[in-house]
Amino acid sequence: MRTAIVLGGGMVGVSSAIHLQQLGWAVILIDRREPGRETSYGNSGVIQSEAVRPYAMPLSPKMLADIALGKTNDVHYRLLSLPAHVRPLLKYWWHSAPSRYRSISVAYSRLVASATADHGTLIRDAQADHLVRRGGYRVLHRDPMALDKAVDAAKNVSLEFGVKFRVLSGIELAQAESIDCGHCPGAIHWLDPWTVSDPGGLVSAYAELFQRLGGKILRGDANTLHEGSAGWSVDTMEGRVDAASVVVALGPWSPDLLRKLGYKIELVRKRGYHMHYQGAGTLDLPLVDATFGYVIAPMLKGLRITTGAELTGADAPIRTDQLDTSEAIARKLLDLGARIEPEPWFGTRPCSPDMLPIFGSAPRHRGLWMNFGHGHQGFTLGPTTGRLLAILMSGEAPRMDVAPYGPARFG
């Protein structure tokens, strides 16, 4: 029987492990924590079938100047941390040019097209439907020109990819959600996405499915990975485990491990924060405040506010200015109630410089495979890239061209 170790217990790693298992592999999943406790836990819980284009870097000089001068809430940075971000950010900027971005979006949209179907199979098999709602989410716009531009973009996406949306006036949104936004010009309601009331819980449900099907989950240190004559080995709390193949699905930590093997893959690492609130109002569906770059999402733990991106160091201390601003603005829309955690949670989104996830075989090591770099969409795309990776590892040909996502593009 073919054997594999999967390093990383987030949505991407767990999904990869399940799909390998379904193709007849014996799989051991290894993480330092329980599955779904890192970046997969902390997002806004949206499986984004409408997100057919990745997040490009703004090219407008005014927008870049606003970010540099700290005038936006969706992107913050720490000056002392910027040198480590310069190279991947320059590559991100280069790939955001319209001609390159168009071809990137074509490749990206092929993955997104399968996201809900791939999740749907796992949700059914994991008996996790109680965590999922299929009602979409809404995006609030506070500026009429911004709303008009967003509606035009939504129409183009709808015509090209068939995703459905409707436009709400500010009064209609206020009536739908009982929030104070009647004075706002309006919102877009994306109708096709699915929303999850406990993102970490969904990953845990998938992990339990993996175990029910015979998979094994161990606590261990990915940094002990080493290559031997028969394959790959990792040290765990139950001792050393060996397998012919290994999948690196460690999200933002993946390049650190792979650097030891001679692979220099740079990521744009975007930190995000969240906080939960209880004791007052709630929302029917997640709400994105486009002007201020945050999301309010109804969760089992209460309302969750998730922030935009902070460019900082991996070990930098918590900084609450983005969250504080988001909370203050959100409280003008609805009564959030009280914070229920002493400090905000934070995690890091691993964004590849060309905005496409990285999955496939390592160019110079037999049995070494990668699956990371999904940026803002690891929660959405994990089951899809996990399925495609399992097909590749099994020596079969996927029904789509996977060359744009291969690790070989980084040398």
Protein backbone atom coordinates (compact mmCIF):
# COMPACT_ATOMS: atom_id res chain seq x y z
CA MET A 1 0.00 0.00 0.00
CA ARG A 2 1.22 3.51 -0.80
CA THR A 3 2.04 5.54 2.32
CA ALA A 4 2.08 9.29 2.97
CA ILE A 5 2.65 11.74 5.78
CA VAL A 6 0.68 14.98 5.58
CA LEU A 7 2.23 17.86 7.55
CA GLY A 8 -0.39 20.41 8.61
CA GLY A 9 -3.83 20.02 10.18
CA GLY A 10 -5.59 22.98 8.58
CA MET A 11 -8.25 22.83 5.89
CA VAL A 12 -5.65 22.20 3.17
CA GLY A 13 -3.80 19.43 5.03
CA VAL A 14 -6.89 17.62 6.29
CA SER A 15 -8.50 17.74 2.85
CA SER A 16 -5.34 16.41 1.22
CA ALA A 17 -5.22 13.55 3.73
CA ILE A 18 -8.85 12.55 3.09
CA HIS A 19 -8.48 12.56 -0.69
CA LEU A 20 -5.30 10.49 -0.54
CA GLN A 21 -7.08 8.06 1.74
CA GLN A 22 -9.97 7.78 -0.69
CA LEU A 23 -7.50 6.82 -3.44
CA GLY A 24 -6.15 3.96 -1.39
CA TRP A 25 -3.24 5.54 0.47
CA ALA A 26 -2.35 4.86 4.11
CA VAL A 27 -2.04 8.37 5.56
CA ILE A 28 -0.74 9.85 8.80
CA LEU A 29 -1.66 13.49 9.48
CA ILE A 30 0.79 15.36 11.73
CA ASP A 31 0.42 18.75 13.38
CA ARG A 32 1.68 20.41 16.54
CA ARG A 33 -1.91 21.13 17.57
CA GLU A 34 -5.38 19.70 17.02
CA PRO A 35 -6.71 20.03 13.46
CA GLY A 36 -8.29 23.36 12.54
CA ARG A 37 -6.73 25.43 15.33
CA GLU A 38 -4.50 27.74 13.28
CA THR A 39 -5.36 29.94 10.27
CA SER A 40 -8.28 27.71 9.24
CA TYR A 41 -9.95 28.50 12.56
CA GLY A 42 -9.86 32.26 12.39
CA ASN A 43 -11.41 33.29 9.08
CA SER A 44 -14.86 34.72 8.35
CA GLY A 45 -16.28 31.32 7.47
CA VAL A 46 -17.22 31.94 3.83
CA ILE A 47 -16.76 29.32 1.10
CA GLN A 48 -16.46 31.82 -1.72
CA SER A 49 -17.85 30.46 -4.98
CA GLU A 50 -18.03 34.03 -6.32
CA ALA A 51 -14.32 34.78 -5.66
CA VAL A 52 -13.27 33.84 -9.19
CA ARG A 53 -10.48 36.41 -9.21
CA PRO A 54 -7.74 36.60 -6.56
CA TYR A 55 -6.89 39.69 -4.53
CA ALA A 56 -4.55 41.79 -6.65
CA MET A 57 -2.36 44.55 -5.27
CA PRO A 58 -3.79 48.03 -5.87
CA LEU A 59 -2.01 49.77 -8.71
CA SER A 60 -3.54 53.21 -8.24
CA PRO A 61 -0.92 55.68 -6.91
CA LYS A 62 -3.57 57.21 -4.64
CA MET A 63 -4.51 53.85 -3.12
CA LEU A 64 -0.85 52.95 -2.60
CA ALA A 65 -0.21 56.35 -1.04
CA ASP A 66 -3.19 55.93 1.29
CA ILE A 67 -1.80 52.59 2.46
CA ALA A 68 1.69 54.05 2.90
CA LEU A 69 0.32 56.98 4.91
CA GLY A 70 -1.89 54.77 7.09
CA LYS A 71 -5.15 56.21 5.76
CA THR A 72 -6.83 52.85 5.18
CA ASN A 73 -8.06 50.26 7.65
CA ASP A 74 -7.93 47.24 5.37
CA VAL A 75 -4.10 47.19 5.08
CA HIS A 76 -1.68 48.16 7.84
CA TYR A 77 2.05 47.61 8.13
CA ARG A 78 4.85 47.88 10.67
CA LEU A 79 7.76 49.87 9.33
CA LEU A 80 10.46 47.74 10.98
CA SER A 81 8.98 44.61 9.41
CA LEU A 82 8.79 45.95 5.85
CA PRO A 83 12.29 44.88 4.67
CA ALA A 84 11.27 41.22 4.95
CA HIS A 85 8.18 41.90 2.83
CA VAL A 86 9.77 43.98 0.04
CA ARG A 87 10.81 41.17 -2.37
CA PRO A 88 7.53 39.19 -2.28
CA LEU A 89 5.50 42.42 -2.41
CA LEU A 90 7.36 43.59 -5.51
CA LYS A 91 6.64 40.25 -7.18
CA TYR A 92 2.99 40.52 -6.09
CA TRP A 93 2.85 44.01 -7.62
CA TRP A 94 4.43 42.74 -10.86
CA HIS A 95 1.89 39.93 -11.18
CA SER A 96 -0.97 42.38 -10.50
CA ALA A 97 -0.41 44.14 -13.83
CA PRO A 98 -3.56 43.75 -15.97
CA SER A 99 -2.10 41.48 -18.65
CA ARG A 100 -0.59 39.04 -16.15
CA TYR A 101 -3.53 39.28 -13.75
CA ARG A 102 -5.95 38.21 -16.50
CA SER A 103 -4.19 34.91 -17.12
CA ILE A 104 -3.77 34.35 -13.37
CA SER A 105 -7.50 34.89 -12.88
CA VAL A 106 -8.33 32.28 -15.53
CA ALA A 107 -6.28 29.68 -13.65
CA TYR A 108 -7.67 30.79 -10.31
CA SER A 109 -11.29 30.64 -11.45
CA ARG A 110 -10.91 26.99 -12.48
CA LEU A 111 -10.20 26.07 -8.88
CA VAL A 112 -12.98 28.20 -7.41
CA ALA A 113 -15.50 26.62 -9.80
CA SER A 114 -15.07 23.30 -7.96
CA ALA A 115 -14.96 24.64 -4.40
CA THR A 116 -18.56 24.21 -3.24
CA ALA A 117 -18.94 20.80 -4.91
CA ASP A 118 -15.74 19.53 -3.28
CA HIS A 119 -16.81 20.90 0.10
CA GLY A 120 -20.28 19.51 -0.40
CA THR A 121 -19.00 15.95 -0.64
CA LEU A 122 -16.93 16.31 2.53
CA ILE A 123 -19.73 18.09 4.40
CA ARG A 124 -22.10 15.24 3.59
CA ASP A 125 -19.63 12.50 4.51
CA ALA A 126 -18.56 14.30 7.69
CA GLN A 127 -22.22 14.89 8.69
CA ALA A 128 -21.40 18.57 9.16
CA ASP A 129 -24.35 20.15 7.37
CA HIS A 130 -25.51 21.77 10.62
CA LEU A 131 -22.49 24.09 10.40
CA VAL A 132 -23.23 25.29 6.87
CA ARG A 133 -25.72 27.73 5.41
CA ARG A 134 -26.24 28.25 1.69
CA GLY A 135 -27.51 31.82 1.66
CA GLY A 136 -24.51 33.85 0.52
CA TYR A 137 -23.18 36.99 2.16
CA ARG A 138 -23.45 40.75 1.70
CA VAL A 139 -20.99 43.55 0.93
CA LEU A 140 -21.86 47.01 2.26
CA HIS A 141 -20.71 50.05 0.27
CA ARG A 142 -20.73 53.52 1.82
CA ASP A 143 -19.84 55.54 -1.28
CA PRO A 144 -22.21 55.72 -4.30
CA MET A 145 -19.37 55.68 -6.84
CA ALA A 146 -17.79 52.67 -5.14
CA LEU A 147 -21.14 50.86 -5.21
CA ASP A 148 -21.61 51.60 -8.91
CA LYS A 149 -18.13 50.30 -9.66
CA ALA A 150 -18.74 47.17 -7.59
CA VAL A 151 -22.05 46.51 -9.34
CA ASP A 152 -20.38 46.81 -12.76
CA ALA A 153 -17.69 44.36 -11.66
CA ALA A 154 -20.33 41.97 -10.30
CA LYS A 155 -22.21 42.08 -13.61
CA ASN A 156 -19.04 41.19 -15.49
CA VAL A 157 -18.31 38.29 -13.15
CA SER A 158 -21.89 37.11 -13.41
CA LEU A 159 -21.85 37.17 -17.21
CA GLU A 160 -18.51 35.38 -17.46
CA PHE A 161 -18.84 32.82 -14.67
CA GLY A 162 -22.56 32.57 -13.95
CA VAL A 163 -22.39 33.56 -10.29
CA LYS A 164 -25.56 35.17 -8.99
CA PHE A 165 -26.02 38.39 -7.03
CA ARG A 166 -28.58 41.06 -6.29
CA VAL A 167 -28.22 44.72 -5.41
CA LEU A 168 -29.82 46.04 -2.23
CA SER A 169 -30.50 49.64 -1.36
CA GLY A 170 -29.34 50.85 2.02
CA ILE A 171 -32.93 50.71 3.28
CA GLU A 172 -33.36 47.14 2.02
CA LEU A 173 -30.15 46.08 3.74
CA ALA A 174 -31.23 47.78 6.97
CA GLN A 175 -34.53 45.92 6.85
CA ALA A 176 -32.87 42.59 6.08
CA GLU A 177 -30.38 42.84 8.93
CA SER A 178 -31.89 45.36 11.37
CA ILE A 179 -28.78 47.51 11.19
CA ASP A 180 -28.36 51.28 11.00
CA CYS A 181 -27.37 51.68 7.35
CA GLY A 182 -30.41 53.22 5.71
CA HIS A 183 -28.29 56.25 4.83
CA CYS A 184 -25.78 54.06 2.93
CA PRO A 185 -26.14 53.82 -0.86
CA GLY A 186 -26.46 50.03 -0.81
CA ALA A 187 -24.93 46.59 -0.85
CA ILE A 188 -24.29 43.57 -3.05
CA HIS A 189 -25.72 40.25 -1.92
CA TRP A 190 -23.69 37.39 -3.39
CA LEU A 191 -26.18 34.56 -3.48
CA ASP A 192 -24.09 31.44 -4.22
CA PRO A 193 -21.42 31.29 -1.48
CA TRP A 194 -21.84 29.08 1.57
CA THR A 195 -21.17 30.30 5.09
CA VAL A 196 -19.94 28.33 8.09
CA SER A 197 -20.83 29.06 11.71
CA ASP A 198 -17.64 27.45 13.08
CA PRO A 199 -14.74 27.28 10.58
CA GLY A 200 -12.45 25.43 12.97
CA GLY A 201 -15.31 23.07 13.76
CA LEU A 202 -15.74 22.23 10.09
CA VAL A 203 -12.06 21.34 9.80
CA SER A 204 -12.41 19.22 12.94
CA ALA A 205 -15.42 17.43 11.42
CA TYR A 206 -13.37 16.66 8.30
CA ALA A 207 -10.53 15.38 10.53
CA GLU A 208 -12.95 13.12 12.39
CA LEU A 209 -14.12 11.76 9.03
CA PHE A 210 -10.48 11.05 8.17
CA GLN A 211 -10.10 9.09 11.39
CA ARG A 212 -13.36 7.18 10.92
CA LEU A 213 -12.06 6.05 7.54
CA GLY A 214 -8.91 4.69 9.16
CA GLY A 215 -6.57 7.67 9.11
CA LYS A 216 -4.24 8.45 11.99
CA ILE A 217 -3.61 11.91 13.50
CA LEU A 218 -0.48 12.48 15.57
CA ARG A 219 1.10 15.44 17.34
CA GLY A 220 4.56 16.09 16.04
CA ASP A 221 7.17 18.59 14.91
CA ALA A 222 7.32 19.14 11.15
CA ASN A 223 10.82 20.56 11.51
CA THR A 224 12.11 17.04 12.26
CA LEU A 225 11.30 16.00 8.68
CA HIS A 226 14.22 14.25 7.04
CA GLU A 227 14.78 12.13 3.97
CA GLY A 228 16.01 8.58 4.21
CA SER A 229 16.73 5.73 1.85
CA ALA A 230 13.12 4.50 2.00
CA GLY A 231 11.35 7.85 1.97
CA TRP A 232 10.57 10.42 4.65
CA SER A 233 10.50 10.44 8.47
CA VAL A 234 9.03 12.74 11.11
CA ASP A 235 9.28 12.61 14.91
CA THR A 236 5.97 12.56 16.80
CA MET A 237 4.84 12.15 20.40
CA GLU A 238 4.39 8.45 19.59
CA GLY A 239 7.82 8.09 18.07
CA ARG A 240 9.21 8.33 14.57
CA VAL A 241 6.89 7.68 11.63
CA ASP A 242 7.99 6.83 8.10
CA ALA A 243 6.33 7.02 4.69
CA ALA A 244 7.33 6.93 1.06
CA SER A 245 5.80 10.38 0.42
CA VAL A 246 5.24 13.54 2.41
CA VAL A 247 2.94 16.51 1.78
CA VAL A 248 3.96 19.91 3.15
CA ALA A 249 0.69 21.72 3.89
CA LEU A 250 1.85 24.05 6.64
CA GLY A 251 0.39 27.27 5.31
CA PRO A 252 2.63 30.25 6.13
CA TRP A 253 5.22 28.00 7.79
CA SER A 254 5.78 25.87 4.68
CA PRO A 255 8.63 27.93 3.15
CA ASP A 256 10.60 27.80 6.42
CA LEU A 257 10.61 24.00 6.35
CA LEU A 258 11.27 23.76 2.62
CA ARG A 259 14.19 26.21 2.82
CA LYS A 260 16.11 23.52 4.70
CA LEU A 261 15.70 21.32 1.63
CA GLY A 262 16.95 23.99 -0.73
CA TYR A 263 13.65 25.54 -1.91
CA LYS A 264 13.35 29.32 -1.73
CA ILE A 265 9.65 30.07 -2.02
CA GLU A 266 8.64 33.53 -0.90
CA LEU A 267 5.17 34.36 0.39
CA VAL A 268 3.37 37.61 1.13
CA ARG A 269 2.37 36.93 4.74
CA LYS A 270 -0.74 38.84 5.76
CA ARG A 271 -1.69 38.75 9.41
CA GLY A 272 -5.37 39.05 10.32
CA TYR A 273 -7.18 39.38 13.65
CA HIS A 274 -10.58 38.45 15.00
CA MET A 275 -12.68 38.98 18.11
CA HIS A 276 -16.06 37.59 19.23
CA TYR A 277 -18.92 39.56 20.77
CA GLN A 278 -21.99 38.41 22.68
CA GLY A 279 -24.93 39.81 24.59
CA ALA A 280 -26.67 42.02 22.04
CA GLY A 281 -27.68 41.85 18.37
CA THR A 282 -26.77 39.41 15.66
CA LEU A 283 -26.71 39.12 11.87
CA ASP A 284 -28.48 36.80 9.51
CA LEU A 285 -25.57 36.60 7.05
CA PRO A 286 -21.93 37.73 7.09
CA LEU A 287 -21.47 41.38 6.20
CA VAL A 288 -18.35 42.84 4.57
CA ASP A 289 -17.79 46.56 5.15
CA ALA A 290 -15.92 47.35 1.93
CA THR A 291 -14.89 50.86 2.99
CA PHE A 292 -13.16 49.80 6.20
CA GLY A 293 -11.98 46.33 5.19
CA TYR A 294 -13.50 44.13 7.88
CA VAL A 295 -16.16 41.41 8.09
CA ILE A 296 -18.84 40.80 10.73
CA ALA A 297 -19.94 37.16 10.69
CA PRO A 298 -22.47 35.31 12.86
CA MET A 299 -20.72 32.37 14.53
CA LEU A 300 -21.64 29.81 17.17
CA LYS A 301 -19.52 31.83 19.63
CA GLY A 302 -21.29 35.11 18.77
CA LEU A 303 -20.54 37.81 16.25
CA ARG A 304 -17.00 37.61 14.89
CA ILE A 305 -15.19 40.62 13.48
CA THR A 306 -12.27 39.73 11.21
CA THR A 307 -9.83 42.38 10.06
CA GLY A 308 -7.98 43.04 6.82
CA ALA A 309 -4.24 42.52 6.36
CA GLU A 310 -1.31 43.55 8.53
CA LEU A 311 2.21 43.25 7.13
CA THR A 312 4.31 42.44 10.15
CA GLY A 313 6.85 40.02 11.52
CA ALA A 314 5.94 36.40 12.23
CA ASP A 315 6.61 36.81 15.94
CA ALA A 316 5.51 40.43 16.31
CA PRO A 317 3.26 41.19 19.28
CA ILE A 318 -0.46 41.78 18.89
CA ARG A 319 -1.44 45.24 17.69
CA THR A 320 -5.11 46.05 18.01
CA ASP A 321 -5.52 49.26 15.99
CA GLN A 322 -7.17 47.58 12.99
CA LEU A 323 -9.55 45.63 15.18
CA ASP A 324 -10.30 48.64 17.38
CA THR A 325 -11.18 50.77 14.35
CA SER A 326 -13.29 47.99 12.84
CA GLU A 327 -15.16 47.51 16.11
CA ALA A 328 -15.85 51.23 16.52
CA ILE A 329 -17.25 51.47 13.00
CA ALA A 330 -19.26 48.25 13.38
CA ARG A 331 -20.86 49.51 16.59
CA LYS A 332 -22.43 52.32 14.55
CA LEU A 333 -24.19 49.66 12.47
CA LEU A 334 -25.45 47.40 15.25
CA ASP A 335 -25.08 46.62 18.93
CA LEU A 336 -22.24 44.13 19.09
CA GLY A 337 -22.41 43.50 22.81
CA ALA A 338 -19.27 42.78 24.81
CA ARG A 339 -15.95 41.26 23.81
CA ILE A 340 -15.77 37.70 25.11
CA GLU A 341 -12.01 37.13 24.77
CA PRO A 342 -9.27 38.96 26.68
CA GLU A 343 -7.13 39.32 23.55
CA PRO A 344 -7.84 39.02 19.82
CA TRP A 345 -6.93 35.87 17.94
CA PHE A 346 -4.53 36.31 15.03
CA GLY A 347 -3.28 34.18 12.15
CA THR A 348 -1.34 34.60 8.92
CA ARG A 349 -2.62 34.21 5.37
CA PRO A 350 0.03 32.65 3.10
CA CYS A 351 -0.20 34.46 -0.25
CA SER A 352 2.00 33.40 -3.16
CA PRO A 353 3.45 36.29 -5.18
CA ASP A 354 1.46 35.25 -8.25
CA MET A 355 -1.75 34.77 -6.21
CA LEU A 356 -2.12 31.10 -7.19
CA PRO A 357 -1.86 28.24 -4.69
CA ILE A 358 1.23 26.06 -4.81
CA PHE A 359 0.58 22.34 -5.15
CA GLY A 360 2.36 19.49 -6.85
CA SER A 361 5.65 17.62 -6.69
CA ALA A 362 8.91 19.17 -5.54
CA PRO A 363 11.31 19.46 -8.49
CA ARG A 364 14.37 17.93 -6.82
CA HIS A 365 13.11 15.44 -4.21
CA ARG A 366 11.30 12.21 -4.86
CA GLY A 367 8.18 11.77 -2.77
CA LEU A 368 8.09 15.41 -1.59
CA TRP A 369 4.84 17.22 -2.37
CA MET A 370 3.50 20.68 -1.59
CA ASN A 371 0.08 22.21 -1.01
CA PHE A 372 0.03 25.74 0.40
CA GLY A 373 0.02 29.42 -0.59
CA HIS A 374 -3.76 29.81 -0.94
CA GLY A 375 -3.79 33.38 0.36
CA HIS A 376 -7.24 34.43 1.54
CA GLN A 377 -8.88 31.28 0.16
CA GLY A 378 -7.33 28.29 1.93
CA PHE A 379 -10.63 27.61 3.67
CA THR A 380 -12.46 27.76 0.33
CA LEU A 381 -9.95 25.92 -1.86
CA GLY A 382 -8.49 23.30 0.49
CA PRO A 383 -10.76 20.43 -0.63
CA THR A 384 -10.18 21.26 -4.30
CA THR A 385 -6.39 21.46 -4.23
CA GLY A 386 -6.34 18.48 -1.88
CA ARG A 387 -8.30 16.43 -4.41
CA LEU A 388 -6.08 17.50 -7.32
CA LEU A 389 -2.91 16.81 -5.36
CA ALA A 390 -4.11 13.31 -4.44
CA ILE A 391 -4.79 12.59 -8.12
CA LEU A 392 -1.28 13.74 -9.06
CA MET A 393 0.32 11.74 -6.28
CA SER A 394 -1.54 8.65 -7.47
CA GLY A 395 -0.04 8.99 -10.94
CA GLU A 396 -3.31 9.94 -12.59
CA ALA A 397 -4.06 12.90 -14.85
CA PRO A 398 -6.46 15.55 -13.50
CA ARG A 399 -9.19 16.77 -15.82
CA MET A 400 -7.69 20.26 -15.81
CA ASP A 401 -4.29 21.77 -16.51
CA VAL A 402 -2.49 21.98 -13.17
CA ALA A 403 0.80 23.37 -14.53
CA PRO A 404 0.04 26.97 -13.39
CA TYR A 405 0.02 25.84 -9.74
CA GLY A 406 3.14 23.68 -9.73
CA PRO A 407 6.09 24.33 -7.36
CA ALA A 408 8.46 24.19 -10.35
CA ARG A 409 7.49 27.77 -11.23
CA PHE A 410 9.64 28.92 -8.29
CA GLY A 411 12.74 27.15 -9.55
